[in-house]
Amino acid sequence: MAVFLDVDSLVDVDSHGGTFHLRTDSLSYVFRVLGNGELEHRYFGPILHRRGAFVDPVDIEERP
């Protein structure tokens, strides 16, 4: 059985900043590609519902 995913609803990409926002029903993972090609972790935690919202770690308060 083939399973098809609507990738547009799971991934947001900011091509200008090289930032990716991956989502599940309950979690978000945000990372970006640095100039040297390394990946920088930006956020992992409860889902960020704002589509196209790219996260600055300074804007996220620590969660218990």
C-alpha atoms as a PDB file:
ATOM      1  CA  MET A   1       0.000   0.000   0.000  1.00  0.00           C
ATOM      2  CA  ALA A   2       1.417   3.395  -0.975  1.00  0.00           C
ATOM      3  CA  VAL A   3       1.234   6.241   1.502  1.00  0.00           C
ATOM      4  CA  PHE A   4       1.272   9.796   0.203  1.00  0.00           C
ATOM      5  CA  LEU A   5       2.140  12.735   2.408  1.00  0.00           C
ATOM      6  CA  ASP A   6       1.301  16.353   1.783  1.00  0.00           C
ATOM      7  CA  VAL A   7       4.867  17.591   2.246  1.00  0.00           C
ATOM      8  CA  ASP A   8       3.779  21.231   1.913  1.00  0.00           C
ATOM      9  CA  SER A   9       1.855  20.880   5.164  1.00  0.00           C
ATOM     10  CA  LEU A  10       4.836  19.299   6.963  1.00  0.00           C
ATOM     11  CA  VAL A  11       7.748  21.501   5.860  1.00  0.00           C
ATOM     12  CA  ASP A  12       8.261  25.260   5.553  1.00  0.00           C
ATOM     13  CA  VAL A  13      11.424  26.523   3.878  1.00  0.00           C
ATOM     14  CA  ASP A  14      12.842  30.032   4.073  1.00  0.00           C
ATOM     15  CA  SER A  15      15.196  29.997   1.101  1.00  0.00           C
ATOM     16  CA  HIS A  16      16.636  33.426   1.969  1.00  0.00           C
ATOM     17  CA  GLY A  17      17.772  32.395   5.440  1.00  0.00           C
ATOM     18  CA  GLY A  18      18.290  28.700   4.687  1.00  0.00           C
ATOM     19  CA  THR A  19      15.856  27.833   7.488  1.00  0.00           C
ATOM     20  CA  PHE A  20      13.676  24.716   7.561  1.00  0.00           C
ATOM     21  CA  HIS A  21      10.639  24.149   9.827  1.00  0.00           C
ATOM     22  CA  LEU A  22       9.634  20.477  10.004  1.00  0.00           C
ATOM     23  CA  ARG A  23       6.316  19.650  11.691  1.00  0.00           C
ATOM     24  CA  THR A  24       4.361  16.667  12.962  1.00  0.00           C
ATOM     25  CA  ASP A  25       0.942  16.811  14.626  1.00  0.00           C
ATOM     26  CA  SER A  26       2.582  17.691  17.930  1.00  0.00           C
ATOM     27  CA  LEU A  27       6.231  18.718  17.375  1.00  0.00           C
ATOM     28  CA  SER A  28       8.276  21.272  15.469  1.00  0.00           C
ATOM     29  CA  TYR A  29      11.937  21.093  14.551  1.00  0.00           C
ATOM     30  CA  VAL A  30      13.618  24.190  13.119  1.00  0.00           C
ATOM     31  CA  PHE A  31      17.155  24.278  11.771  1.00  0.00           C
ATOM     32  CA  ARG A  32      19.140  26.321   9.277  1.00  0.00           C
ATOM     33  CA  VAL A  33      22.069  25.822   6.938  1.00  0.00           C
ATOM     34  CA  LEU A  34      25.064  27.990   7.812  1.00  0.00           C
ATOM     35  CA  GLY A  35      27.355  29.559   5.229  1.00  0.00           C
ATOM     36  CA  ASN A  36      29.888  26.747   5.679  1.00  0.00           C
ATOM     37  CA  GLY A  37      27.209  24.074   5.042  1.00  0.00           C
ATOM     38  CA  GLU A  38      26.822  22.988   8.665  1.00  0.00           C
ATOM     39  CA  LEU A  39      23.338  22.631  10.142  1.00  0.00           C
ATOM     40  CA  GLU A  40      22.408  24.778  13.141  1.00  0.00           C
ATOM     41  CA  HIS A  41      19.676  23.604  15.510  1.00  0.00           C
ATOM     42  CA  ARG A  42      17.194  26.444  16.173  1.00  0.00           C
ATOM     43  CA  TYR A  43      14.214  24.842  17.944  1.00  0.00           C
ATOM     44  CA  PHE A  44      12.763  21.479  18.921  1.00  0.00           C
ATOM     45  CA  GLY A  45       9.613  21.213  20.993  1.00  0.00           C
ATOM     46  CA  PRO A  46       5.846  21.605  21.012  1.00  0.00           C
ATOM     47  CA  ILE A  47       4.485  22.514  17.620  1.00  0.00           C
ATOM     48  CA  LEU A  48       4.790  26.090  16.405  1.00  0.00           C
ATOM     49  CA  HIS A  49       1.480  26.707  14.669  1.00  0.00           C
ATOM     50  CA  ARG A  50       2.499  29.835  12.782  1.00  0.00           C
ATOM     51  CA  ARG A  51       3.170  28.713   9.222  1.00  0.00           C
ATOM     52  CA  GLY A  52       6.161  30.385   7.708  1.00  0.00           C
ATOM     53  CA  ALA A  53       7.279  31.563  11.133  1.00  0.00           C
ATOM     54  CA  PHE A  54      10.995  31.087  11.422  1.00  0.00           C
ATOM     55  CA  VAL A  55      12.364  30.944  14.880  1.00  0.00           C
ATOM     56  CA  ASP A  56      15.073  32.957  16.559  1.00  0.00           C
ATOM     57  CA  PRO A  57      16.146  31.050  19.682  1.00  0.00           C
ATOM     58  CA  VAL A  58      16.143  34.324  21.630  1.00  0.00           C
ATOM     59  CA  ASP A  59      12.390  34.555  21.061  1.00  0.00           C
ATOM     60  CA  ILE A  60      11.694  31.165  22.634  1.00  0.00           C
ATOM     61  CA  GLU A  61      11.394  30.924  26.384  1.00  0.00           C
ATOM     62  CA  GLU A  62      12.774  27.848  28.092  1.00  0.00           C
ATOM     63  CA  ARG A  63      10.171  25.158  28.660  1.00  0.00           C
ATOM     64  CA  PRO A  64      10.268  22.787  31.630  1.00  0.00           C
END
